[in-house]
Each structure stands twice: as C-alpha cells, then as structure tokens.
Amino acid sequence: MISHTTLGTNNLEKAESFYFEILDAIGGTQIYKSDNVVFWEFEGGSSKLALTVPFNGQPASNGNGTMVAFTLSSVNKVNEVYSLALKLGASSEGEPGERNGGAYYGAYFRDLDGNKIAIFHR
C-alpha cells in the first residue's frame, strides 16, 4: 500500500494555493502544513499527496515519465478540473478526451513546477 506521493516545489506558497483549489475540487482535504511540507488526504482512501521544498536544499525538478494520476467521479469533473488547472496557471499536456480506444476519459496538465498530473474517469 502506498502511503503518500510527494511532489517537489520551488515555491511552497504558490504550489499550496494551486493544489488547494485543485484538490478541493476532487475531494482532497489538507491535513498537515509546516514551513517545508503540506499534506492532503482523500475521501475513501488512505493515500496522501505531499508538496515539499526539497530537504537537500537543491531546486525541485520533475521527472521524465513521472506522473501522478487522480481518479475523478465523472467526465464532467475531468473537464471542470482540467479547466480549473489551466486557469490557475497549469500548462496542458493533453486536452480532455477518450484515451486508449475508449478505455477511459482523461486529461493531462503540468503544475506550476512542471510536475505532470493526470485526471481521469473510467
């Protein structure tokens, strides 16, 4: 079982503001905050998401091929959250639509630090 996924950020205040809106829209609740890290948990699961300034003091960077995916409750919710993310400054990595021969409906964006996020409904 995965306890939590951590994304690095170079500006915790901006990242927290961005994710506060995104995660609130999909049922996330902020459960912890310090000067260096913020945690959210989600309804119906035990996994958490953390945002942190890297412990080693080096700049945060995103990984090529690294992605966090969130299951959403409907196609409309995918469209809503994707639009919200872009409004908040995210960049598109794939507009909402059917993927893999109709296996799921999804969209992709990069957050303010370039971390890749997938949102989908199946």
C-alpha atoms as a PDB file:
ATOM      1  CA  MET A   1       0.000   0.000   0.000  1.00  0.00           C
ATOM      2  CA  ILE A   2       1.338   3.408  -0.915  1.00  0.00           C
ATOM      3  CA  SER A   3       1.257   5.853   1.999  1.00  0.00           C
ATOM      4  CA  HIS A   4       1.784   9.060   0.033  1.00  0.00           C
ATOM      5  CA  THR A   5       3.201  10.595  -3.105  1.00  0.00           C
ATOM      6  CA  THR A   6       5.461  13.628  -2.799  1.00  0.00           C
ATOM      7  CA  LEU A   7       5.944  16.361  -5.370  1.00  0.00           C
ATOM      8  CA  GLY A   8       8.780  18.844  -5.066  1.00  0.00           C
ATOM      9  CA  THR A   9       8.242  22.552  -5.395  1.00  0.00           C
ATOM     10  CA  ASN A  10      10.405  25.649  -5.550  1.00  0.00           C
ATOM     11  CA  ASN A  11       7.617  27.836  -4.146  1.00  0.00           C
ATOM     12  CA  LEU A  12       5.568  26.085  -1.471  1.00  0.00           C
ATOM     13  CA  GLU A  13       3.172  29.009  -1.021  1.00  0.00           C
ATOM     14  CA  LYS A  14       2.232  29.143  -4.726  1.00  0.00           C
ATOM     15  CA  ALA A  15       2.077  25.339  -5.008  1.00  0.00           C
ATOM     16  CA  GLU A  16      -0.142  25.090  -1.931  1.00  0.00           C
ATOM     17  CA  SER A  17      -2.532  27.689  -3.333  1.00  0.00           C
ATOM     18  CA  PHE A  18      -2.670  25.873  -6.701  1.00  0.00           C
ATOM     19  CA  TYR A  19      -3.264  22.431  -5.179  1.00  0.00           C
ATOM     20  CA  PHE A  20      -5.657  23.726  -2.530  1.00  0.00           C
ATOM     21  CA  GLU A  21      -8.098  24.639  -5.324  1.00  0.00           C
ATOM     22  CA  ILE A  22      -7.459  21.554  -7.466  1.00  0.00           C
ATOM     23  CA  LEU A  23      -7.640  19.059  -4.625  1.00  0.00           C
ATOM     24  CA  ASP A  24     -10.655  20.718  -3.017  1.00  0.00           C
ATOM     25  CA  ALA A  25     -12.480  20.221  -6.338  1.00  0.00           C
ATOM     26  CA  ILE A  26     -11.807  16.454  -6.196  1.00  0.00           C
ATOM     27  CA  GLY A  27     -12.431  15.788  -2.504  1.00  0.00           C
ATOM     28  CA  GLY A  28      -8.993  16.382  -1.015  1.00  0.00           C
ATOM     29  CA  THR A  29      -8.583  17.770   2.492  1.00  0.00           C
ATOM     30  CA  GLN A  30      -5.429  19.447   3.752  1.00  0.00           C
ATOM     31  CA  ILE A  31      -4.356  17.594   6.906  1.00  0.00           C
ATOM     32  CA  TYR A  32      -0.910  18.970   7.724  1.00  0.00           C
ATOM     33  CA  LYS A  33       1.184  22.028   6.982  1.00  0.00           C
ATOM     34  CA  SER A  34       4.628  23.170   8.092  1.00  0.00           C
ATOM     35  CA  ASP A  35       7.221  25.580   6.704  1.00  0.00           C
ATOM     36  CA  ASN A  36       8.515  22.833   4.370  1.00  0.00           C
ATOM     37  CA  VAL A  37       5.648  20.453   3.542  1.00  0.00           C
ATOM     38  CA  VAL A  38       1.871  20.305   3.033  1.00  0.00           C
ATOM     39  CA  PHE A  39      -0.196  17.071   3.074  1.00  0.00           C
ATOM     40  CA  TRP A  40      -3.670  16.252   1.730  1.00  0.00           C
ATOM     41  CA  GLU A  41      -5.789  13.119   2.163  1.00  0.00           C
ATOM     42  CA  PHE A  42      -8.700  11.922   0.041  1.00  0.00           C
ATOM     43  CA  GLU A  43     -12.188  10.596   0.684  1.00  0.00           C
ATOM     44  CA  GLY A  44     -12.450   6.827   0.515  1.00  0.00           C
ATOM     45  CA  GLY A  45      -8.715   6.076   0.501  1.00  0.00           C
ATOM     46  CA  SER A  46      -5.637   6.032   2.649  1.00  0.00           C
ATOM     47  CA  SER A  47      -3.178   7.515   0.129  1.00  0.00           C
ATOM     48  CA  LYS A  48      -1.999  11.072   0.588  1.00  0.00           C
ATOM     49  CA  LEU A  49      -0.318  13.753  -1.524  1.00  0.00           C
ATOM     50  CA  ALA A  50       2.518  15.891  -0.162  1.00  0.00           C
ATOM     51  CA  LEU A  51       4.151  19.014  -1.570  1.00  0.00           C
ATOM     52  CA  THR A  52       7.599  19.819  -0.271  1.00  0.00           C
ATOM     53  CA  VAL A  53      10.621  22.009  -0.692  1.00  0.00           C
ATOM     54  CA  PRO A  54      13.484  19.502  -1.237  1.00  0.00           C
ATOM     55  CA  PHE A  55      15.208  18.565   2.017  1.00  0.00           C
ATOM     56  CA  ASN A  56      18.673  18.787   0.449  1.00  0.00           C
ATOM     57  CA  GLY A  57      18.193  22.463  -0.429  1.00  0.00           C
ATOM     58  CA  GLN A  58      18.632  21.852  -4.166  1.00  0.00           C
ATOM     59  CA  PRO A  59      15.994  23.072  -6.664  1.00  0.00           C
ATOM     60  CA  ALA A  60      12.957  20.859  -7.168  1.00  0.00           C
ATOM     61  CA  SER A  61      12.657  19.275 -10.613  1.00  0.00           C
ATOM     62  CA  ASN A  62      10.172  16.981 -12.312  1.00  0.00           C
ATOM     63  CA  GLY A  63      10.983  13.542 -13.659  1.00  0.00           C
ATOM     64  CA  ASN A  64      10.640  12.492 -17.286  1.00  0.00           C
ATOM     65  CA  GLY A  65       7.992   9.764 -17.227  1.00  0.00           C
ATOM     66  CA  THR A  66       6.902  10.613 -13.681  1.00  0.00           C
ATOM     67  CA  MET A  67       3.199  11.373 -13.226  1.00  0.00           C
ATOM     68  CA  VAL A  68       0.535  11.395 -10.514  1.00  0.00           C
ATOM     69  CA  ALA A  69      -2.949  10.273 -11.603  1.00  0.00           C
ATOM     70  CA  PHE A  70      -6.233  11.050  -9.874  1.00  0.00           C
ATOM     71  CA  THR A  71      -9.472   9.119 -10.438  1.00  0.00           C
ATOM     72  CA  LEU A  72     -12.411  11.528 -10.718  1.00  0.00           C
ATOM     73  CA  SER A  73     -16.129  10.874 -10.342  1.00  0.00           C
ATOM     74  CA  SER A  74     -17.272  11.825 -13.855  1.00  0.00           C
ATOM     75  CA  VAL A  75     -16.354  13.053 -17.314  1.00  0.00           C
ATOM     76  CA  ASN A  76     -17.750  16.458 -16.321  1.00  0.00           C
ATOM     77  CA  LYS A  77     -15.433  16.540 -13.288  1.00  0.00           C
ATOM     78  CA  VAL A  78     -12.435  15.820 -15.555  1.00  0.00           C
ATOM     79  CA  ASN A  79     -13.436  18.744 -17.779  1.00  0.00           C
ATOM     80  CA  GLU A  80     -14.024  21.003 -14.752  1.00  0.00           C
ATOM     81  CA  VAL A  81     -10.731  20.230 -13.003  1.00  0.00           C
ATOM     82  CA  TYR A  82      -8.725  20.482 -16.238  1.00  0.00           C
ATOM     83  CA  SER A  83     -10.182  23.953 -16.930  1.00  0.00           C
ATOM     84  CA  LEU A  84      -9.530  24.998 -13.324  1.00  0.00           C
ATOM     85  CA  ALA A  85      -5.914  23.836 -13.516  1.00  0.00           C
ATOM     86  CA  LEU A  86      -5.286  25.869 -16.674  1.00  0.00           C
ATOM     87  CA  LYS A  87      -6.992  28.900 -15.125  1.00  0.00           C
ATOM     88  CA  LEU A  88      -4.640  28.580 -12.128  1.00  0.00           C
ATOM     89  CA  GLY A  89      -1.553  28.592 -14.358  1.00  0.00           C
ATOM     90  CA  ALA A  90      -1.038  24.933 -15.279  1.00  0.00           C
ATOM     91  CA  SER A  91       0.036  24.041 -18.813  1.00  0.00           C
ATOM     92  CA  SER A  92      -1.784  21.488 -20.932  1.00  0.00           C
ATOM     93  CA  GLU A  93      -0.245  18.094 -21.620  1.00  0.00           C
ATOM     94  CA  GLY A  94      -3.384  16.696 -23.253  1.00  0.00           C
ATOM     95  CA  GLU A  95      -6.901  18.075 -23.508  1.00  0.00           C
ATOM     96  CA  PRO A  96      -9.845  16.088 -22.099  1.00  0.00           C
ATOM     97  CA  GLY A  97     -10.999  13.205 -24.231  1.00  0.00           C
ATOM     98  CA  GLU A  98     -11.244   9.444 -24.614  1.00  0.00           C
ATOM     99  CA  ARG A  99      -7.965   7.564 -24.321  1.00  0.00           C
ATOM    100  CA  ASN A 100      -6.724   4.098 -25.240  1.00  0.00           C
ATOM    101  CA  GLY A 101      -9.632   3.187 -27.510  1.00  0.00           C
ATOM    102  CA  GLY A 102     -12.255   4.445 -25.053  1.00  0.00           C
ATOM    103  CA  ALA A 103     -10.797   2.675 -22.009  1.00  0.00           C
ATOM    104  CA  TYR A 104     -11.056   5.910 -20.033  1.00  0.00           C
ATOM    105  CA  TYR A 105     -11.709   9.627 -20.355  1.00  0.00           C
ATOM    106  CA  GLY A 106      -8.790  11.733 -19.239  1.00  0.00           C
ATOM    107  CA  ALA A 107      -6.751  14.905 -19.404  1.00  0.00           C
ATOM    108  CA  TYR A 108      -3.188  15.860 -18.501  1.00  0.00           C
ATOM    109  CA  PHE A 109      -1.536  19.017 -17.235  1.00  0.00           C
ATOM    110  CA  ARG A 110       1.685  20.225 -15.650  1.00  0.00           C
ATOM    111  CA  ASP A 111       1.513  22.101 -12.372  1.00  0.00           C
ATOM    112  CA  LEU A 112       3.395  25.319 -11.610  1.00  0.00           C
ATOM    113  CA  ASP A 113       6.654  23.369 -11.036  1.00  0.00           C
ATOM    114  CA  GLY A 114       6.265  21.195 -14.147  1.00  0.00           C
ATOM    115  CA  ASN A 115       5.029  18.046 -12.372  1.00  0.00           C
ATOM    116  CA  LYS A 116       2.772  16.029 -14.668  1.00  0.00           C
ATOM    117  CA  ILE A 117      -0.753  15.308 -13.408  1.00  0.00           C
ATOM    118  CA  ALA A 118      -3.352  13.018 -14.975  1.00  0.00           C
ATOM    119  CA  ILE A 119      -7.045  13.200 -14.163  1.00  0.00           C
ATOM    120  CA  PHE A 120      -9.395  10.533 -15.462  1.00  0.00           C
ATOM    121  CA  HIS A 121     -12.766   8.811 -15.203  1.00  0.00           C
ATOM    122  CA  ARG A 122     -13.341   5.180 -16.043  1.00  0.00           C
END
